[in-house]
PDB file of N, CA and C in Angstrom:
ATOM      1  N   MET A   1       2.941  17.688  -1.092  1.00  0.00           N
ATOM      2  CA  MET A   1       2.346  16.143  -0.248  1.00  0.00           C
ATOM      3  C   MET A   1       2.052  14.772  -2.224  1.00  0.00           C
ATOM      4  N   ALA A   2       2.123  14.159  -1.608  1.00  0.00           N
ATOM      5  CA  ALA A   2       2.544  12.930  -2.514  1.00  0.00           C
ATOM      6  C   ALA A   2       1.298  11.749  -2.136  1.00  0.00           C
ATOM      7  N   ILE A   3       0.428  11.733  -3.031  1.00  0.00           N
ATOM      8  CA  ILE A   3      -0.619  10.630  -2.797  1.00  0.00           C
ATOM      9  C   ILE A   3      -0.613   9.375  -3.361  1.00  0.00           C
ATOM     10  N   GLY A   4      -0.575   7.696  -3.156  1.00  0.00           N
ATOM     11  CA  GLY A   4      -0.031   6.402  -3.885  1.00  0.00           C
ATOM     12  C   GLY A   4      -0.931   5.478  -2.989  1.00  0.00           C
ATOM     13  N   PHE A   5      -1.746   4.720  -3.526  1.00  0.00           N
ATOM     14  CA  PHE A   5      -2.485   3.873  -3.766  1.00  0.00           C
ATOM     15  C   PHE A   5      -1.641   1.674  -3.615  1.00  0.00           C
ATOM     16  N   ALA A   6      -1.253   1.112  -2.931  1.00  0.00           N
ATOM     17  CA  ALA A   6      -1.134  -0.012  -3.606  1.00  0.00           C
ATOM     18  C   ALA A   6      -2.327  -1.242  -2.982  1.00  0.00           C
ATOM     19  N   LEU A   7      -2.163  -2.055  -4.154  1.00  0.00           N
ATOM     20  CA  LEU A   7      -3.508  -2.809  -4.392  1.00  0.00           C
ATOM     21  C   LEU A   7      -2.262  -3.907  -4.009  1.00  0.00           C
ATOM     22  N   LEU A   8      -2.312  -4.844  -3.229  1.00  0.00           N
ATOM     23  CA  LEU A   8      -1.910  -6.225  -2.606  1.00  0.00           C
ATOM     24  C   LEU A   8      -2.367  -7.393  -2.462  1.00  0.00           C
ATOM     25  N   SER A   9      -1.843  -8.355  -2.804  1.00  0.00           N
ATOM     26  CA  SER A   9      -1.840 -10.012  -2.992  1.00  0.00           C
ATOM     27  C   SER A   9      -0.995 -10.792  -1.813  1.00  0.00           C
ATOM     28  N   ILE A  10      -1.626 -10.920  -0.824  1.00  0.00           N
ATOM     29  CA  ILE A  10      -0.903 -11.957  -0.178  1.00  0.00           C
ATOM     30  C   ILE A  10      -0.857 -12.845   0.164  1.00  0.00           C
ATOM     31  N   SER A  11      -0.298 -14.092   0.710  1.00  0.00           N
ATOM     32  CA  SER A  11      -0.432 -15.234   0.891  1.00  0.00           C
ATOM     33  C   SER A  11      -1.419 -15.476   1.941  1.00  0.00           C
ATOM     34  N   PRO A  12      -1.765 -16.967   0.996  1.00  0.00           N
ATOM     35  CA  PRO A  12      -3.068 -17.047   2.110  1.00  0.00           C
ATOM     36  C   PRO A  12      -2.769 -17.730   3.244  1.00  0.00           C
ATOM     37  N   LEU A  13      -4.264 -17.131   4.325  1.00  0.00           N
ATOM     38  CA  LEU A  13      -3.428 -17.474   5.957  1.00  0.00           C
ATOM     39  C   LEU A  13      -2.389 -15.912   6.597  1.00  0.00           C
ATOM     40  N   HIS A  14      -1.959 -14.695   5.878  1.00  0.00           N
ATOM     41  CA  HIS A  14      -1.533 -14.626   6.222  1.00  0.00           C
ATOM     42  C   HIS A  14      -1.828 -13.175   6.542  1.00  0.00           C
ATOM     43  N   GLU A  15      -3.063 -12.412   5.861  1.00  0.00           N
ATOM     44  CA  GLU A  15      -4.135 -11.825   5.637  1.00  0.00           C
ATOM     45  C   GLU A  15      -4.206 -10.806   7.448  1.00  0.00           C
ATOM     46  N   LYS A  16      -4.384 -11.284   7.672  1.00  0.00           N
ATOM     47  CA  LYS A  16      -4.414 -10.332   9.110  1.00  0.00           C
ATOM     48  C   LYS A  16      -2.932 -10.200   9.783  1.00  0.00           C
ATOM     49  N   THR A  17      -1.966 -11.373   9.520  1.00  0.00           N
ATOM     50  CA  THR A  17      -0.768 -10.884  10.424  1.00  0.00           C
ATOM     51  C   THR A  17      -0.120  -8.759   9.401  1.00  0.00           C
ATOM     52  N   VAL A  18      -0.525  -9.137   7.838  1.00  0.00           N
ATOM     53  CA  VAL A  18       0.312  -8.264   6.893  1.00  0.00           C
ATOM     54  C   VAL A  18      -0.542  -7.030   7.420  1.00  0.00           C
ATOM     55  N   TYR A  19      -2.205  -7.109   7.478  1.00  0.00           N
ATOM     56  CA  TYR A  19      -3.323  -5.724   7.637  1.00  0.00           C
ATOM     57  C   TYR A  19      -2.805  -5.377   8.746  1.00  0.00           C
ATOM     58  N   GLU A  20      -2.531  -5.818   9.465  1.00  0.00           N
ATOM     59  CA  GLU A  20      -1.742  -5.151  11.448  1.00  0.00           C
ATOM     60  C   GLU A  20      -0.729  -4.782  11.126  1.00  0.00           C
ATOM     61  N   LYS A  21       0.163  -5.526  10.502  1.00  0.00           N
ATOM     62  CA  LYS A  21       1.458  -4.318   9.705  1.00  0.00           C
ATOM     63  C   LYS A  21       1.670  -3.214   9.133  1.00  0.00           C
ATOM     64  N   LEU A  22       0.645  -3.351   8.534  1.00  0.00           N
ATOM     65  CA  LEU A  22       0.366  -2.601   7.462  1.00  0.00           C
ATOM     66  C   LEU A  22      -0.045  -0.780   8.163  1.00  0.00           C
ATOM     67  N   THR A  23      -1.103  -1.053   9.429  1.00  0.00           N
ATOM     68  CA  THR A  23      -1.442   0.210  10.517  1.00  0.00           C
ATOM     69  C   THR A  23      -0.472   0.366  11.055  1.00  0.00           C
ATOM     70  N   HIS A  24       0.548  -0.286  11.039  1.00  0.00           N
ATOM     71  CA  HIS A  24       1.610   0.725  11.731  1.00  0.00           C
ATOM     72  C   HIS A  24       2.781   1.306  11.100  1.00  0.00           C
ATOM     73  N   ILE A  25       2.563   1.439   9.564  1.00  0.00           N
ATOM     74  CA  ILE A  25       2.830   2.695   8.893  1.00  0.00           C
ATOM     75  C   ILE A  25       2.672   3.422   8.885  1.00  0.00           C
ATOM     76  N   SER A  26       3.365   4.650   9.348  1.00  0.00           N
ATOM     77  CA  SER A  26       2.991   6.064   9.614  1.00  0.00           C
ATOM     78  C   SER A  26       2.672   6.446   8.981  1.00  0.00           C
ATOM     79  N   GLU A  27       3.052   6.219   7.340  1.00  0.00           N
ATOM     80  CA  GLU A  27       2.627   7.172   5.883  1.00  0.00           C
ATOM     81  C   GLU A  27       1.507   6.057   5.086  1.00  0.00           C
ATOM     82  N   ILE A  28       1.222   5.107   6.005  1.00  0.00           N
ATOM     83  CA  ILE A  28      -0.532   4.479   4.917  1.00  0.00           C
ATOM     84  C   ILE A  28      -1.259   5.478   6.087  1.00  0.00           C
ATOM     85  N   VAL A  29      -1.976   5.870   5.177  1.00  0.00           N
ATOM     86  CA  VAL A  29      -2.993   6.599   6.063  1.00  0.00           C
ATOM     87  C   VAL A  29      -4.350   5.730   6.087  1.00  0.00           C
ATOM     88  N   GLU A  30      -4.607   4.982   5.321  1.00  0.00           N
ATOM     89  CA  GLU A  30      -5.561   4.207   5.240  1.00  0.00           C
ATOM     90  C   GLU A  30      -5.283   2.555   4.970  1.00  0.00           C
ATOM     91  N   VAL A  31      -6.341   1.397   5.204  1.00  0.00           N
ATOM     92  CA  VAL A  31      -5.956  -0.062   4.863  1.00  0.00           C
ATOM     93  C   VAL A  31      -7.329  -1.116   4.690  1.00  0.00           C
ATOM     94  N   HIS A  32      -7.489  -1.121   3.481  1.00  0.00           N
ATOM     95  CA  HIS A  32      -8.218  -1.750   3.022  1.00  0.00           C
ATOM     96  C   HIS A  32      -8.623  -2.726   2.727  1.00  0.00           C
ATOM     97  N   PRO A  33      -9.226  -4.204   3.130  1.00  0.00           N
ATOM     98  CA  PRO A  33      -9.132  -5.995   2.876  1.00  0.00           C
ATOM     99  C   PRO A  33     -10.562  -5.995   1.490  1.00  0.00           C
ATOM    100  N   LEU A  34     -10.077  -6.474   0.997  1.00  0.00           N
ATOM    101  CA  LEU A  34     -10.544  -6.798  -0.541  1.00  0.00           C
ATOM    102  C   LEU A  34     -11.041  -7.998  -1.605  1.00  0.00           C
ATOM    103  N   PHE A  35     -11.698  -8.128  -1.939  1.00  0.00           N
ATOM    104  CA  PHE A  35     -12.132  -9.836  -2.278  1.00  0.00           C
ATOM    105  C   PHE A  35     -11.946  -9.312  -3.628  1.00  0.00           C
ATOM    106  N   GLY A  36     -11.536 -10.261  -4.675  1.00  0.00           N
ATOM    107  CA  GLY A  36     -11.128 -10.043  -5.742  1.00  0.00           C
ATOM    108  C   GLY A  36      -9.640 -10.885  -6.071  1.00  0.00           C
ATOM    109  N   GLU A  37      -9.297  -9.781  -7.245  1.00  0.00           N
ATOM    110  CA  GLU A  37      -7.871 -10.023  -7.816  1.00  0.00           C
ATOM    111  C   GLU A  37      -6.802 -10.108  -6.824  1.00  0.00           C
ATOM    112  N   PHE A  38      -6.831  -8.708  -5.635  1.00  0.00           N
ATOM    113  CA  PHE A  38      -5.949  -7.953  -4.668  1.00  0.00           C
ATOM    114  C   PHE A  38      -6.664  -8.257  -3.262  1.00  0.00           C
ATOM    115  N   ASP A  39      -5.764  -8.459  -2.435  1.00  0.00           N
ATOM    116  CA  ASP A  39      -6.068  -8.902  -0.810  1.00  0.00           C
ATOM    117  C   ASP A  39      -6.595  -7.425  -0.157  1.00  0.00           C
ATOM    118  N   ILE A  40      -5.533  -6.409  -0.515  1.00  0.00           N
ATOM    119  CA  ILE A  40      -5.820  -5.224   0.465  1.00  0.00           C
ATOM    120  C   ILE A  40      -5.306  -4.362  -0.232  1.00  0.00           C
ATOM    121  N   LEU A  41      -5.769  -2.856  -0.476  1.00  0.00           N
ATOM    122  CA  LEU A  41      -5.244  -1.759  -0.762  1.00  0.00           C
ATOM    123  C   LEU A  41      -4.759  -1.422   0.645  1.00  0.00           C
ATOM    124  N   VAL A  42      -4.048   0.188   0.428  1.00  0.00           N
ATOM    125  CA  VAL A  42      -3.230   0.778   1.292  1.00  0.00           C
ATOM    126  C   VAL A  42      -3.720   1.953   0.488  1.00  0.00           C
ATOM    127  N   LYS A  43      -3.965   3.216   0.983  1.00  0.00           N
ATOM    128  CA  LYS A  43      -3.300   4.240   0.381  1.00  0.00           C
ATOM    129  C   LYS A  43      -2.355   5.073   1.520  1.00  0.00           C
ATOM    130  N   ILE A  44      -1.333   5.442   0.561  1.00  0.00           N
ATOM    131  CA  ILE A  44       0.194   6.238   1.384  1.00  0.00           C
ATOM    132  C   ILE A  44       0.216   7.577   0.770  1.00  0.00           C
ATOM    133  N   GLU A  45       0.141   8.506   1.909  1.00  0.00           N
ATOM    134  CA  GLU A  45       0.770  10.008   1.850  1.00  0.00           C
ATOM    135  C   GLU A  45       2.427  10.461   1.925  1.00  0.00           C
ATOM    136  N   ALA A  46       3.158  11.002   1.547  1.00  0.00           N
ATOM    137  CA  ALA A  46       4.595  10.624   1.488  1.00  0.00           C
ATOM    138  C   ALA A  46       4.699  11.966   0.645  1.00  0.00           C
ATOM    139  N   SER A  47       5.706  12.502   1.321  1.00  0.00           N
ATOM    140  CA  SER A  47       6.654  13.868   0.579  1.00  0.00           C
ATOM    141  C   SER A  47       7.061  14.051  -1.002  1.00  0.00           C
ATOM    142  N   ASP A  48       6.992  12.945  -1.681  1.00  0.00           N
ATOM    143  CA  ASP A  48       7.080  13.241  -2.965  1.00  0.00           C
ATOM    144  C   ASP A  48       7.004  11.353  -3.718  1.00  0.00           C
ATOM    145  N   ILE A  49       7.014  11.408  -4.978  1.00  0.00           N
ATOM    146  CA  ILE A  49       6.496  10.308  -5.339  1.00  0.00           C
ATOM    147  C   ILE A  49       7.653   9.030  -5.099  1.00  0.00           C
ATOM    148  N   ASP A  50       9.168   9.492  -5.043  1.00  0.00           N
ATOM    149  CA  ASP A  50      10.353   8.527  -4.777  1.00  0.00           C
ATOM    150  C   ASP A  50       9.649   8.024  -3.683  1.00  0.00           C
ATOM    151  N   SER A  51       9.700   9.037  -2.183  1.00  0.00           N
ATOM    152  CA  SER A  51       8.845   8.143  -1.378  1.00  0.00           C
ATOM    153  C   SER A  51       8.232   7.800  -1.216  1.00  0.00           C
ATOM    154  N   ILE A  52       7.706   7.083  -2.238  1.00  0.00           N
ATOM    155  CA  ILE A  52       5.998   6.143  -2.112  1.00  0.00           C
ATOM    156  C   ILE A  52       7.156   4.879  -2.591  1.00  0.00           C
ATOM    157  N   GLY A  53       7.589   5.381  -4.138  1.00  0.00           N
ATOM    158  CA  GLY A  53       8.203   3.933  -4.104  1.00  0.00           C
ATOM    159  C   GLY A  53       9.320   3.595  -3.384  1.00  0.00           C
ATOM    160  N   SER A  54       9.846   4.128  -1.606  1.00  0.00           N
ATOM    161  CA  SER A  54      10.529   3.838  -1.334  1.00  0.00           C
ATOM    162  C   SER A  54       9.754   3.159  -0.254  1.00  0.00           C
ATOM    163  N   ILE A  55       9.283   3.166   0.066  1.00  0.00           N
ATOM    164  CA  ILE A  55       7.847   3.064   1.170  1.00  0.00           C
ATOM    165  C   ILE A  55       7.523   1.853   0.775  1.00  0.00           C
ATOM    166  N   VAL A  56       7.079   1.398  -0.077  1.00  0.00           N
ATOM    167  CA  VAL A  56       6.014  -0.150  -1.315  1.00  0.00           C
ATOM    168  C   VAL A  56       7.954  -0.790  -1.034  1.00  0.00           C
ATOM    169  N   ILE A  57       8.824  -0.144  -1.584  1.00  0.00           N
ATOM    170  CA  ILE A  57       9.630  -1.201  -1.292  1.00  0.00           C
ATOM    171  C   ILE A  57      10.307  -2.015  -0.076  1.00  0.00           C
ATOM    172  N   ASN A  58      10.732  -0.677   0.452  1.00  0.00           N
ATOM    173  CA  ASN A  58      11.366  -1.037   2.236  1.00  0.00           C
ATOM    174  C   ASN A  58      10.107  -1.035   3.194  1.00  0.00           C
ATOM    175  N   LYS A  59       9.129  -1.040   2.888  1.00  0.00           N
ATOM    176  CA  LYS A  59       8.438  -1.255   4.106  1.00  0.00           C
ATOM    177  C   LYS A  59       7.717  -2.533   4.502  1.00  0.00           C
ATOM    178  N   ILE A  60       7.091  -1.534   3.300  1.00  0.00           N
ATOM    179  CA  ILE A  60       5.548  -2.855   2.362  1.00  0.00           C
ATOM    180  C   ILE A  60       5.643  -4.299   2.071  1.00  0.00           C
ATOM    181  N   ARG A  61       6.279  -4.268   0.976  1.00  0.00           N
ATOM    182  CA  ARG A  61       7.031  -5.558   0.118  1.00  0.00           C
ATOM    183  C   ARG A  61       8.352  -6.386   0.917  1.00  0.00           C
ATOM    184  N   ALA A  62       8.186  -5.866   2.264  1.00  0.00           N
ATOM    185  CA  ALA A  62       9.462  -6.785   3.363  1.00  0.00           C
ATOM    186  C   ALA A  62       8.958  -7.221   4.121  1.00  0.00           C
ATOM    187  N   ILE A  63       7.232  -7.644   4.311  1.00  0.00           N
ATOM    188  CA  ILE A  63       5.747  -7.598   5.649  1.00  0.00           C
ATOM    189  C   ILE A  63       5.831  -9.083   4.808  1.00  0.00           C
ATOM    190  N   GLN A  64       6.501  -9.695   5.998  1.00  0.00           N
ATOM    191  CA  GLN A  64       6.525 -11.022   5.096  1.00  0.00           C
ATOM    192  C   GLN A  64       4.520 -11.883   4.869  1.00  0.00           C
ATOM    193  N   GLY A  65       4.556 -12.691   3.898  1.00  0.00           N
ATOM    194  CA  GLY A  65       3.335 -12.469   3.093  1.00  0.00           C
ATOM    195  C   GLY A  65       2.451 -11.859   2.496  1.00  0.00           C
ATOM    196  N   VAL A  66       2.997 -10.836   2.122  1.00  0.00           N
ATOM    197  CA  VAL A  66       2.862  -9.879   0.574  1.00  0.00           C
ATOM    198  C   VAL A  66       4.574 -10.478  -0.069  1.00  0.00           C
ATOM    199  N   MET A  67       2.757 -10.939  -1.563  1.00  0.00           N
ATOM    200  CA  MET A  67       3.428 -11.877  -2.499  1.00  0.00           C
ATOM    201  C   MET A  67       3.721 -10.670  -3.741  1.00  0.00           C
ATOM    202  N   ASP A  68       3.442  -9.892  -4.047  1.00  0.00           N
ATOM    203  CA  ASP A  68       3.186  -8.635  -4.852  1.00  0.00           C
ATOM    204  C   ASP A  68       2.011  -7.620  -5.258  1.00  0.00           C
ATOM    205  N   SER A  69       2.357  -6.123  -5.598  1.00  0.00           N
ATOM    206  CA  SER A  69       2.270  -5.369  -5.032  1.00  0.00           C
ATOM    207  C   SER A  69       1.475  -4.248  -6.613  1.00  0.00           C
ATOM    208  N   LYS A  70       0.827  -3.493  -6.991  1.00  0.00           N
ATOM    209  CA  LYS A  70       1.105  -2.870  -7.834  1.00  0.00           C
ATOM    210  C   LYS A  70       0.089  -1.285  -7.422  1.00  0.00           C
ATOM    211  N   THR A  71       1.299  -0.541  -7.538  1.00  0.00           N
ATOM    212  CA  THR A  71       1.003   0.467  -7.271  1.00  0.00           C
ATOM    213  C   THR A  71       0.697   1.826  -7.974  1.00  0.00           C
ATOM    214  N   LEU A  72      -0.031   2.923  -7.580  1.00  0.00           N
ATOM    215  CA  LEU A  72      -0.622   3.681  -8.108  1.00  0.00           C
ATOM    216  C   LEU A  72      -0.579   5.315  -7.866  1.00  0.00           C
ATOM    217  N   ILE A  73      -0.411   6.225  -8.543  1.00  0.00           N
ATOM    218  CA  ILE A  73       0.138   7.746  -7.731  1.00  0.00           C
ATOM    219  C   ILE A  73      -0.586   8.830  -8.421  1.00  0.00           C
ATOM    220  N   GLY A  74      -1.122   8.727  -7.776  1.00  0.00           N
ATOM    221  CA  GLY A  74      -2.435   9.897  -7.672  1.00  0.00           C
ATOM    222  C   GLY A  74      -1.933  11.512  -8.160  1.00  0.00           C
ATOM    223  N   THR A  75      -2.745  12.014  -8.958  1.00  0.00           N
ATOM    224  CA  THR A  75      -2.660  13.118  -9.624  1.00  0.00           C
ATOM    225  C   THR A  75      -3.989  14.298  -9.466  1.00  0.00           C
ATOM    226  N   LYS A  76      -3.558  16.018  -9.510  1.00  0.00           N
ATOM    227  CA  LYS A  76      -4.603  16.483  -9.241  1.00  0.00           C
ATOM    228  C   LYS A  76      -4.184  17.303 -10.663  1.00  0.00           C
ATOM    229  N   SER A  77      -4.184  16.790 -11.264  1.00  0.00           N
ATOM    230  CA  SER A  77      -4.409  17.242 -12.845  1.00  0.00           C
ATOM    231  C   SER A  77      -5.879  17.766 -13.552  1.00  0.00           C
ATOM    232  N   LEU A  78      -6.459  16.680 -12.651  1.00  0.00           N
ATOM    233  CA  LEU A  78      -8.061  16.632 -13.251  1.00  0.00           C
ATOM    234  C   LEU A  78      -8.924  17.791 -12.318  1.00  0.00           C
ATOM    235  N   SER A  79      -7.793  18.214 -11.805  1.00  0.00           N
ATOM    236  CA  SER A  79      -9.346  18.767 -10.064  1.00  0.00           C
ATOM    237  C   SER A  79      -9.467  20.446 -10.358  1.00  0.00           C
ATOM    238  N   GLY A  80      -8.993  20.464 -11.613  1.00  0.00           N
ATOM    239  CA  GLY A  80      -9.205  22.285 -12.078  1.00  0.00           C
ATOM    240  C   GLY A  80      -8.377  22.654 -12.795  1.00  0.00           C
TER     241      GLY A  80
END
């Protein structure tokens, strides 16, 4: 299982709509509104790293109102 996090920039007045659509993507297990440089943080669980990239490109970035994203891939290399 691969875990990723995506920081999203949302165009003004689209935050609520984008948030709602993100909650319906099955691979997204957490959605958090933010204040600051980014507007929303999502946690993604997928079978592998390539799948995370596909989810970001084909499902998240495809939502109207998502202007930009920064994707981070989680690792277990520090846990033991």
